[in-house]
Each structure stands twice: as C-alpha cells, then as structure tokens.
Amino acid sequence: MPSWLALIFTFAVSGLLHDLAIMAVRRELGLLVTPWFTIVGIAVVVSSHFEWNAEGYAWPVRATSNLAAILASLAIALTLTAHAGVGF
C-alpha cells in the first residue's frame, strides 16, 4: 500500500474508532469524525505533495492557519454528513 494511502487510511480508521465510541455512548448511529479525519488526512497528503507549509512563519500565523484548516475540514464533514443523513 502506498504511504500516502496508508496515511489517509490511518486517519479514517482513527475517525471510525472515535465515531464508534460516540455511538456507544449516545446509543445511536451516526458518523462525523470518520469523514472529518479522512478529509484532514487527504489535506495532509495534498499539502505534503505540493510542499505547502508554514515553517518560516511565526507561531501565531502557523496556529491560525492550522486552526483554519481544521475548522474548514470540519465544516465540509458537517455538510457531507448532513446531506447524507448520517450525522449526529
């Protein structure tokens, strides 16, 4: 398996484990963390491929860009799960 695919798969499985824990506590079916983490994994692969990074910037800029990426991926996951009817 290519390393980029293994990385995405690792994020997806981690998300699924989180979703399973949430489903066990809530006692209802739903997915949110699995697509969210999968999107983050894809973003990591794409940003690595194009060598996008913020290494040369001050930590507040890096923190802001990372937070923006995390929140954007959450917004996408929320939209996808709402349209698919599988969200919490």
PDB file of N, CA and C in Angstrom:
ATOM      1  N   MET A   1       0.851  -1.167   0.000  1.00  0.00           N
ATOM      2  CA  MET A   1       0.000   0.000   0.000  1.00  0.00           C
ATOM      3  C   MET A   1       0.902   1.237   0.000  1.00  0.00           C
ATOM      4  N   PRO A   2       0.625   2.196  -0.877  1.00  0.00           N
ATOM      5  CA  PRO A   2       1.442   3.416  -0.891  1.00  0.00           C
ATOM      6  C   PRO A   2       1.324   4.168   0.443  1.00  0.00           C
ATOM      7  N   SER A   3       2.392   4.854   0.816  1.00  0.00           N
ATOM      8  CA  SER A   3       2.405   5.538   2.111  1.00  0.00           C
ATOM      9  C   SER A   3       1.323   6.609   2.211  1.00  0.00           C
ATOM     10  N   TRP A   4       1.023   7.296   1.094  1.00  0.00           N
ATOM     11  CA  TRP A   4       0.002   8.337   1.143  1.00  0.00           C
ATOM     12  C   TRP A   4      -1.368   7.732   1.435  1.00  0.00           C
ATOM     13  N   LEU A   5      -1.634   6.557   0.870  1.00  0.00           N
ATOM     14  CA  LEU A   5      -2.907   5.892   1.104  1.00  0.00           C
ATOM     15  C   LEU A   5      -2.973   5.346   2.532  1.00  0.00           C
ATOM     16  N   ALA A   6      -1.852   4.834   3.025  1.00  0.00           N
ATOM     17  CA  ALA A   6      -1.787   4.348   4.404  1.00  0.00           C
ATOM     18  C   ALA A   6      -2.062   5.485   5.383  1.00  0.00           C
ATOM     19  N   LEU A   7      -1.557   6.672   5.077  1.00  0.00           N
ATOM     20  CA  LEU A   7      -1.793   7.820   5.950  1.00  0.00           C
ATOM     21  C   LEU A   7      -3.273   8.183   5.980  1.00  0.00           C
ATOM     22  N   ILE A   8      -3.917   8.248   4.832  1.00  0.00           N
ATOM     23  CA  ILE A   8      -5.352   8.555   4.772  1.00  0.00           C
ATOM     24  C   ILE A   8      -6.146   7.470   5.487  1.00  0.00           C
ATOM     25  N   PHE A   9      -5.783   6.216   5.255  1.00  0.00           N
ATOM     26  CA  PHE A   9      -6.459   5.091   5.901  1.00  0.00           C
ATOM     27  C   PHE A   9      -6.318   5.171   7.419  1.00  0.00           C
ATOM     28  N   THR A  10      -5.132   5.553   7.899  1.00  0.00           N
ATOM     29  CA  THR A  10      -4.905   5.688   9.339  1.00  0.00           C
ATOM     30  C   THR A  10      -5.813   6.757   9.930  1.00  0.00           C
ATOM     31  N   PHE A  11      -5.922   7.896   9.266  1.00  0.00           N
ATOM     32  CA  PHE A  11      -6.817   8.953   9.733  1.00  0.00           C
ATOM     33  C   PHE A  11      -8.262   8.455   9.736  1.00  0.00           C
ATOM     34  N   ALA A  12      -8.664   7.759   8.677  1.00  0.00           N
ATOM     35  CA  ALA A  12     -10.045   7.275   8.575  1.00  0.00           C
ATOM     36  C   ALA A  12     -10.371   6.266   9.673  1.00  0.00           C
ATOM     37  N   VAL A  13      -9.478   5.338   9.924  1.00  0.00           N
ATOM     38  CA  VAL A  13      -9.705   4.333  10.964  1.00  0.00           C
ATOM     39  C   VAL A  13      -9.750   4.998  12.338  1.00  0.00           C
ATOM     40  N   SER A  14      -8.886   5.959  12.564  1.00  0.00           N
ATOM     41  CA  SER A  14      -8.919   6.688  13.828  1.00  0.00           C
ATOM     42  C   SER A  14     -10.265   7.393  14.002  1.00  0.00           C
ATOM     43  N   GLY A  15     -10.740   8.013  12.934  1.00  0.00           N
ATOM     44  CA  GLY A  15     -12.044   8.662  12.985  1.00  0.00           C
ATOM     45  C   GLY A  15     -13.157   7.679  13.258  1.00  0.00           C
ATOM     46  N   LEU A  16     -13.087   6.508  12.624  1.00  0.00           N
ATOM     47  CA  LEU A  16     -14.106   5.484  12.840  1.00  0.00           C
ATOM     48  C   LEU A  16     -14.116   5.012  14.290  1.00  0.00           C
ATOM     49  N   LEU A  17     -12.949   4.838  14.875  1.00  0.00           N
ATOM     50  CA  LEU A  17     -12.881   4.442  16.287  1.00  0.00           C
ATOM     51  C   LEU A  17     -13.508   5.502  17.184  1.00  0.00           C
ATOM     52  N   HIS A  18     -13.258   6.771  16.873  1.00  0.00           N
ATOM     53  CA  HIS A  18     -13.892   7.849  17.631  1.00  0.00           C
ATOM     54  C   HIS A  18     -15.418   7.816  17.448  1.00  0.00           C
ATOM     55  N   ASP A  19     -15.870   7.624  16.217  1.00  0.00           N
ATOM     56  CA  ASP A  19     -17.309   7.553  15.966  1.00  0.00           C
ATOM     57  C   ASP A  19     -17.943   6.366  16.692  1.00  0.00           C
ATOM     58  N   LEU A  20     -17.264   5.229  16.717  1.00  0.00           N
ATOM     59  CA  LEU A  20     -17.793   4.063  17.419  1.00  0.00           C
ATOM     60  C   LEU A  20     -17.944   4.354  18.910  1.00  0.00           C
ATOM     61  N   ALA A  21     -16.974   5.058  19.492  1.00  0.00           N
ATOM     62  CA  ALA A  21     -17.071   5.423  20.904  1.00  0.00           C
ATOM     63  C   ALA A  21     -18.253   6.365  21.133  1.00  0.00           C
ATOM     64  N   ILE A  22     -18.430   7.329  20.242  1.00  0.00           N
ATOM     65  CA  ILE A  22     -19.555   8.261  20.363  1.00  0.00           C
ATOM     66  C   ILE A  22     -20.873   7.514  20.223  1.00  0.00           C
ATOM     67  N   MET A  23     -20.949   6.601  19.246  1.00  0.00           N
ATOM     68  CA  MET A  23     -22.175   5.836  19.048  1.00  0.00           C
ATOM     69  C   MET A  23     -22.485   4.962  20.263  1.00  0.00           C
ATOM     70  N   ALA A  24     -21.462   4.416  20.896  1.00  0.00           N
ATOM     71  CA  ALA A  24     -21.678   3.586  22.071  1.00  0.00           C
ATOM     72  C   ALA A  24     -22.250   4.405  23.224  1.00  0.00           C
ATOM     73  N   VAL A  25     -21.760   5.607  23.383  1.00  0.00           N
ATOM     74  CA  VAL A  25     -22.239   6.471  24.460  1.00  0.00           C
ATOM     75  C   VAL A  25     -23.640   6.995  24.156  1.00  0.00           C
ATOM     76  N   ARG A  26     -23.849   7.435  22.924  1.00  0.00           N
ATOM     77  CA  ARG A  26     -25.148   8.023  22.553  1.00  0.00           C
ATOM     78  C   ARG A  26     -26.212   6.983  22.222  1.00  0.00           C
ATOM     79  N   ARG A  27     -25.761   5.769  21.945  1.00  0.00           N
ATOM     80  CA  ARG A  27     -26.662   4.667  21.571  1.00  0.00           C
ATOM     81  C   ARG A  27     -27.508   5.008  20.347  1.00  0.00           C
ATOM     82  N   GLU A  28     -26.864   5.643  19.386  1.00  0.00           N
ATOM     83  CA  GLU A  28     -27.499   5.925  18.100  1.00  0.00           C
ATOM     84  C   GLU A  28     -26.423   5.907  17.023  1.00  0.00           C
ATOM     85  N   LEU A  29     -26.847   5.587  15.803  1.00  0.00           N
ATOM     86  CA  LEU A  29     -25.909   5.537  14.688  1.00  0.00           C
ATOM     87  C   LEU A  29     -25.645   6.943  14.180  1.00  0.00           C
ATOM     88  N   GLY A  30     -24.426   7.162  13.784  1.00  0.00           N
ATOM     89  CA  GLY A  30     -24.057   8.445  13.212  1.00  0.00           C
ATOM     90  C   GLY A  30     -22.574   8.488  12.915  1.00  0.00           C
ATOM     91  N   LEU A  31     -22.232   9.302  11.980  1.00  0.00           N
ATOM     92  CA  LEU A  31     -20.831   9.494  11.609  1.00  0.00           C
ATOM     93  C   LEU A  31     -20.553  10.986  11.518  1.00  0.00           C
ATOM     94  N   LEU A  32     -19.453  11.389  12.032  1.00  0.00           N
ATOM     95  CA  LEU A  32     -18.956  12.743  11.830  1.00  0.00           C
ATOM     96  C   LEU A  32     -17.436  12.736  11.821  1.00  0.00           C
ATOM     97  N   VAL A  33     -16.859  12.065  12.797  1.00  0.00           N
ATOM     98  CA  VAL A  33     -15.413  12.110  12.953  1.00  0.00           C
ATOM     99  C   VAL A  33     -14.707  11.345  11.828  1.00  0.00           C
ATOM    100  N   THR A  34     -15.324  10.261  11.353  1.00  0.00           N
ATOM    101  CA  THR A  34     -14.695   9.487  10.269  1.00  0.00           C
ATOM    102  C   THR A  34     -14.501  10.332   9.013  1.00  0.00           C
ATOM    103  N   PRO A  35     -15.548  10.978   8.489  1.00  0.00           N
ATOM    104  CA  PRO A  35     -15.296  11.819   7.307  1.00  0.00           C
ATOM    105  C   PRO A  35     -14.393  13.011   7.623  1.00  0.00           C
ATOM    106  N   TRP A  36     -14.531  13.568   8.822  1.00  0.00           N
ATOM    107  CA  TRP A  36     -13.699  14.711   9.203  1.00  0.00           C
ATOM    108  C   TRP A  36     -12.226  14.330   9.184  1.00  0.00           C
ATOM    109  N   PHE A  37     -11.876  13.237   9.868  1.00  0.00           N
ATOM    110  CA  PHE A  37     -10.480  12.818   9.914  1.00  0.00           C
ATOM    111  C   PHE A  37      -9.977  12.392   8.533  1.00  0.00           C
ATOM    112  N   THR A  38     -10.850  11.791   7.732  1.00  0.00           N
ATOM    113  CA  THR A  38     -10.449  11.408   6.377  1.00  0.00           C
ATOM    114  C   THR A  38     -10.108  12.640   5.551  1.00  0.00           C
ATOM    115  N   ILE A  39     -10.907  13.675   5.667  1.00  0.00           N
ATOM    116  CA  ILE A  39     -10.637  14.930   4.955  1.00  0.00           C
ATOM    117  C   ILE A  39      -9.321  15.533   5.429  1.00  0.00           C
ATOM    118  N   VAL A  40      -9.070  15.495   6.733  1.00  0.00           N
ATOM    119  CA  VAL A  40      -7.799  16.005   7.262  1.00  0.00           C
ATOM    120  C   VAL A  40      -6.634  15.188   6.698  1.00  0.00           C
ATOM    121  N   GLY A  41      -6.798  13.863   6.634  1.00  0.00           N
ATOM    122  CA  GLY A  41      -5.747  13.022   6.065  1.00  0.00           C
ATOM    123  C   GLY A  41      -5.464  13.356   4.609  1.00  0.00           C
ATOM    124  N   ILE A  42      -6.526  13.585   3.847  1.00  0.00           N
ATOM    125  CA  ILE A  42      -6.362  13.980   2.441  1.00  0.00           C
ATOM    126  C   ILE A  42      -5.645  15.324   2.360  1.00  0.00           C
ATOM    127  N   ALA A  43      -6.008  16.241   3.233  1.00  0.00           N
ATOM    128  CA  ALA A  43      -5.355  17.564   3.245  1.00  0.00           C
ATOM    129  C   ALA A  43      -3.867  17.441   3.568  1.00  0.00           C
ATOM    130  N   VAL A  44      -3.522  16.546   4.487  1.00  0.00           N
ATOM    131  CA  VAL A  44      -2.115  16.327   4.827  1.00  0.00           C
ATOM    132  C   VAL A  44      -1.353  15.796   3.610  1.00  0.00           C
ATOM    133  N   VAL A  45      -1.946  14.835   2.914  1.00  0.00           N
ATOM    134  CA  VAL A  45      -1.293  14.257   1.732  1.00  0.00           C
ATOM    135  C   VAL A  45      -1.117  15.322   0.643  1.00  0.00           C
ATOM    136  N   VAL A  46      -2.175  16.086   0.376  1.00  0.00           N
ATOM    137  CA  VAL A  46      -2.104  17.110  -0.675  1.00  0.00           C
ATOM    138  C   VAL A  46      -1.082  18.183  -0.309  1.00  0.00           C
ATOM    139  N   SER A  47      -1.128  18.665   0.940  1.00  0.00           N
ATOM    140  CA  SER A  47      -0.191  19.719   1.338  1.00  0.00           C
ATOM    141  C   SER A  47       1.256  19.223   1.320  1.00  0.00           C
ATOM    142  N   SER A  48       1.460  17.969   1.668  1.00  0.00           N
ATOM    143  CA  SER A  48       2.813  17.401   1.596  1.00  0.00           C
ATOM    144  C   SER A  48       3.276  17.265   0.155  1.00  0.00           C
ATOM    145  N   HIS A  49       2.380  16.823  -0.713  1.00  0.00           N
ATOM    146  CA  HIS A  49       2.727  16.653  -2.122  1.00  0.00           C
ATOM    147  C   HIS A  49       3.177  17.979  -2.751  1.00  0.00           C
ATOM    148  N   PHE A  50       2.451  19.039  -2.449  1.00  0.00           N
ATOM    149  CA  PHE A  50       2.785  20.343  -3.017  1.00  0.00           C
ATOM    150  C   PHE A  50       3.766  21.129  -2.150  1.00  0.00           C
ATOM    151  N   GLU A  51       4.239  20.496  -1.080  1.00  0.00           N
ATOM    152  CA  GLU A  51       5.210  21.100  -0.156  1.00  0.00           C
ATOM    153  C   GLU A  51       4.722  22.431   0.403  1.00  0.00           C
ATOM    154  N   TRP A  52       3.430  22.464   0.737  1.00  0.00           N
ATOM    155  CA  TRP A  52       2.867  23.641   1.400  1.00  0.00           C
ATOM    156  C   TRP A  52       3.144  23.518   2.889  1.00  0.00           C
ATOM    157  N   ASN A  53       3.776  24.523   3.449  1.00  0.00           N
ATOM    158  CA  ASN A  53       3.989  24.539   4.890  1.00  0.00           C
ATOM    159  C   ASN A  53       4.149  25.979   5.351  1.00  0.00           C
ATOM    160  N   ALA A  54       4.118  26.158   6.644  1.00  0.00           N
ATOM    161  CA  ALA A  54       4.222  27.498   7.220  1.00  0.00           C
ATOM    162  C   ALA A  54       5.420  27.574   8.160  1.00  0.00           C
ATOM    163  N   GLU A  55       6.444  26.789   7.859  1.00  0.00           N
ATOM    164  CA  GLU A  55       7.610  26.718   8.745  1.00  0.00           C
ATOM    165  C   GLU A  55       8.274  28.071   8.980  1.00  0.00           C
ATOM    166  N   GLY A  56       8.291  28.927   7.977  1.00  0.00           N
ATOM    167  CA  GLY A  56       9.000  30.194   8.104  1.00  0.00           C
ATOM    168  C   GLY A  56       8.210  31.294   8.785  1.00  0.00           C
ATOM    169  N   TYR A  57       7.009  30.988   9.215  1.00  0.00           N
ATOM    170  CA  TYR A  57       6.143  31.998   9.818  1.00  0.00           C
ATOM    171  C   TYR A  57       6.151  31.894  11.341  1.00  0.00           C
ATOM    172  N   ALA A  58       5.778  32.983  11.990  1.00  0.00           N
ATOM    173  CA  ALA A  58       5.686  32.999  13.449  1.00  0.00           C
ATOM    174  C   ALA A  58       4.579  32.043  13.903  1.00  0.00           C
ATOM    175  N   TRP A  59       4.677  31.558  15.139  1.00  0.00           N
ATOM    176  CA  TRP A  59       3.729  30.555  15.617  1.00  0.00           C
ATOM    177  C   TRP A  59       2.285  31.026  15.569  1.00  0.00           C
ATOM    178  N   PRO A  60       1.960  32.311  15.800  1.00  0.00           N
ATOM    179  CA  PRO A  60       0.544  32.692  15.700  1.00  0.00           C
ATOM    180  C   PRO A  60      -0.013  32.499  14.282  1.00  0.00           C
ATOM    181  N   VAL A  61       0.810  32.724  13.284  1.00  0.00           N
ATOM    182  CA  VAL A  61       0.381  32.519  11.895  1.00  0.00           C
ATOM    183  C   VAL A  61       0.194  31.034  11.636  1.00  0.00           C
ATOM    184  N   ARG A  62       1.135  30.219  12.105  1.00  0.00           N
ATOM    185  CA  ARG A  62       1.016  28.767  11.923  1.00  0.00           C
ATOM    186  C   ARG A  62      -0.205  28.226  12.658  1.00  0.00           C
ATOM    187  N   ALA A  63      -0.404  28.692  13.881  1.00  0.00           N
ATOM    188  CA  ALA A  63      -1.549  28.225  14.658  1.00  0.00           C
ATOM    189  C   ALA A  63      -2.861  28.622  13.977  1.00  0.00           C
ATOM    190  N   THR A  64      -2.922  29.843  13.473  1.00  0.00           N
ATOM    191  CA  THR A  64      -4.135  30.312  12.801  1.00  0.00           C
ATOM    192  C   THR A  64      -4.398  29.528  11.523  1.00  0.00           C
ATOM    193  N   SER A  65      -3.367  29.266  10.752  1.00  0.00           N
ATOM    194  CA  SER A  65      -3.567  28.517   9.505  1.00  0.00           C
ATOM    195  C   SER A  65      -3.972  27.076   9.796  1.00  0.00           C
ATOM    196  N   ASN A  66      -3.384  26.469  10.817  1.00  0.00           N
ATOM    197  CA  ASN A  66      -3.772  25.103  11.191  1.00  0.00           C
ATOM    198  C   ASN A  66      -5.206  25.061  11.696  1.00  0.00           C
ATOM    199  N   LEU A  67      -5.581  26.021  12.530  1.00  0.00           N
ATOM    200  CA  LEU A  67      -6.946  26.069  13.039  1.00  0.00           C
ATOM    201  C   LEU A  67      -7.943  26.269  11.901  1.00  0.00           C
ATOM    202  N   ALA A  68      -7.598  27.134  10.961  1.00  0.00           N
ATOM    203  CA  ALA A  68      -8.477  27.365   9.809  1.00  0.00           C
ATOM    204  C   ALA A  68      -8.656  26.087   8.989  1.00  0.00           C
ATOM    205  N   ALA A  69      -7.584  25.350   8.788  1.00  0.00           N
ATOM    206  CA  ALA A  69      -7.675  24.095   8.025  1.00  0.00           C
ATOM    207  C   ALA A  69      -8.517  23.064   8.762  1.00  0.00           C
ATOM    208  N   ILE A  70      -8.346  22.962  10.072  1.00  0.00           N
ATOM    209  CA  ILE A  70      -9.118  22.010  10.868  1.00  0.00           C
ATOM    210  C   ILE A  70     -10.599  22.373  10.841  1.00  0.00           C
ATOM    211  N   LEU A  71     -10.904  23.657  11.015  1.00  0.00           N
ATOM    212  CA  LEU A  71     -12.306  24.093  11.013  1.00  0.00           C
ATOM    213  C   LEU A  71     -12.938  23.967   9.628  1.00  0.00           C
ATOM    214  N   ALA A  72     -12.165  24.223   8.582  1.00  0.00           N
ATOM    215  CA  ALA A  72     -12.690  24.071   7.221  1.00  0.00           C
ATOM    216  C   ALA A  72     -13.019  22.604   6.950  1.00  0.00           C
ATOM    217  N   SER A  73     -12.149  21.698   7.382  1.00  0.00           N
ATOM    218  CA  SER A  73     -12.423  20.271   7.172  1.00  0.00           C
ATOM    219  C   SER A  73     -13.626  19.825   8.003  1.00  0.00           C
ATOM    220  N   LEU A  74     -13.796  20.391   9.190  1.00  0.00           N
ATOM    221  CA  LEU A  74     -14.982  20.083   9.994  1.00  0.00           C
ATOM    222  C   LEU A  74     -16.245  20.580   9.297  1.00  0.00           C
ATOM    223  N   ALA A  75     -16.192  21.778   8.738  1.00  0.00           N
ATOM    224  CA  ALA A  75     -17.357  22.324   8.030  1.00  0.00           C
ATOM    225  C   ALA A  75     -17.731  21.447   6.840  1.00  0.00           C
ATOM    226  N   ILE A  76     -16.739  20.967   6.118  1.00  0.00           N
ATOM    227  CA  ILE A  76     -17.002  20.078   4.983  1.00  0.00           C
ATOM    228  C   ILE A  76     -17.625  18.775   5.475  1.00  0.00           C
ATOM    229  N   ALA A  77     -17.071  18.210   6.546  1.00  0.00           N
ATOM    230  CA  ALA A  77     -17.605  16.954   7.089  1.00  0.00           C
ATOM    231  C   ALA A  77     -19.036  17.138   7.595  1.00  0.00           C
ATOM    232  N   LEU A  78     -19.309  18.241   8.253  1.00  0.00           N
ATOM    233  CA  LEU A  78     -20.670  18.510   8.727  1.00  0.00           C
ATOM    234  C   LEU A  78     -21.642  18.613   7.560  1.00  0.00           C
ATOM    235  N   THR A  79     -21.223  19.279   6.501  1.00  0.00           N
ATOM    236  CA  THR A  79     -22.066  19.418   5.321  1.00  0.00           C
ATOM    237  C   THR A  79     -22.317  18.060   4.666  1.00  0.00           C
ATOM    238  N   LEU A  80     -21.270  17.275   4.499  1.00  0.00           N
ATOM    239  CA  LEU A  80     -21.415  15.950   3.873  1.00  0.00           C
ATOM    240  C   LEU A  80     -22.313  15.032   4.684  1.00  0.00           C
ATOM    241  N   THR A  81     -22.111  14.987   5.997  1.00  0.00           N
ATOM    242  CA  THR A  81     -22.920  14.083   6.817  1.00  0.00           C
ATOM    243  C   THR A  81     -24.363  14.561   6.905  1.00  0.00           C
ATOM    244  N   ALA A  82     -24.587  15.862   6.880  1.00  0.00           N
ATOM    245  CA  ALA A  82     -25.959  16.384   6.912  1.00  0.00           C
ATOM    246  C   ALA A  82     -26.686  16.009   5.622  1.00  0.00           C
ATOM    247  N   HIS A  83     -25.995  16.167   4.488  1.00  0.00           N
ATOM    248  CA  HIS A  83     -26.621  15.818   3.197  1.00  0.00           C
ATOM    249  C   HIS A  83     -26.859  14.323   3.075  1.00  0.00           C
ATOM    250  N   ALA A  84     -25.961  13.528   3.661  1.00  0.00           N
ATOM    251  CA  ALA A  84     -26.118  12.073   3.588  1.00  0.00           C
ATOM    252  C   ALA A  84     -27.071  11.562   4.656  1.00  0.00           C
ATOM    253  N   GLY A  85     -27.410  12.397   5.628  1.00  0.00           N
ATOM    254  CA  GLY A  85     -28.316  11.995   6.686  1.00  0.00           C
ATOM    255  C   GLY A  85     -27.705  11.034   7.694  1.00  0.00           C
ATOM    256  N   VAL A  86     -26.386  11.089   7.855  1.00  0.00           N
ATOM    257  CA  VAL A  86     -25.721  10.166   8.766  1.00  0.00           C
ATOM    258  C   VAL A  86     -25.055  10.882   9.931  1.00  0.00           C
ATOM    259  N   GLY A  87     -25.179  12.192  10.017  1.00  0.00           N
ATOM    260  CA  GLY A  87     -24.518  12.948  11.076  1.00  0.00           C
ATOM    261  C   GLY A  87     -25.223  12.806  12.406  1.00  0.00           C
ATOM    262  N   PHE A  88     -24.554  13.248  13.438  1.00  0.00           N
ATOM    263  CA  PHE A  88     -25.149  13.221  14.776  1.00  0.00           C
ATOM    264  C   PHE A  88     -26.069  14.398  14.962  1.00  0.00           C
TER     265      PHE A  88
END
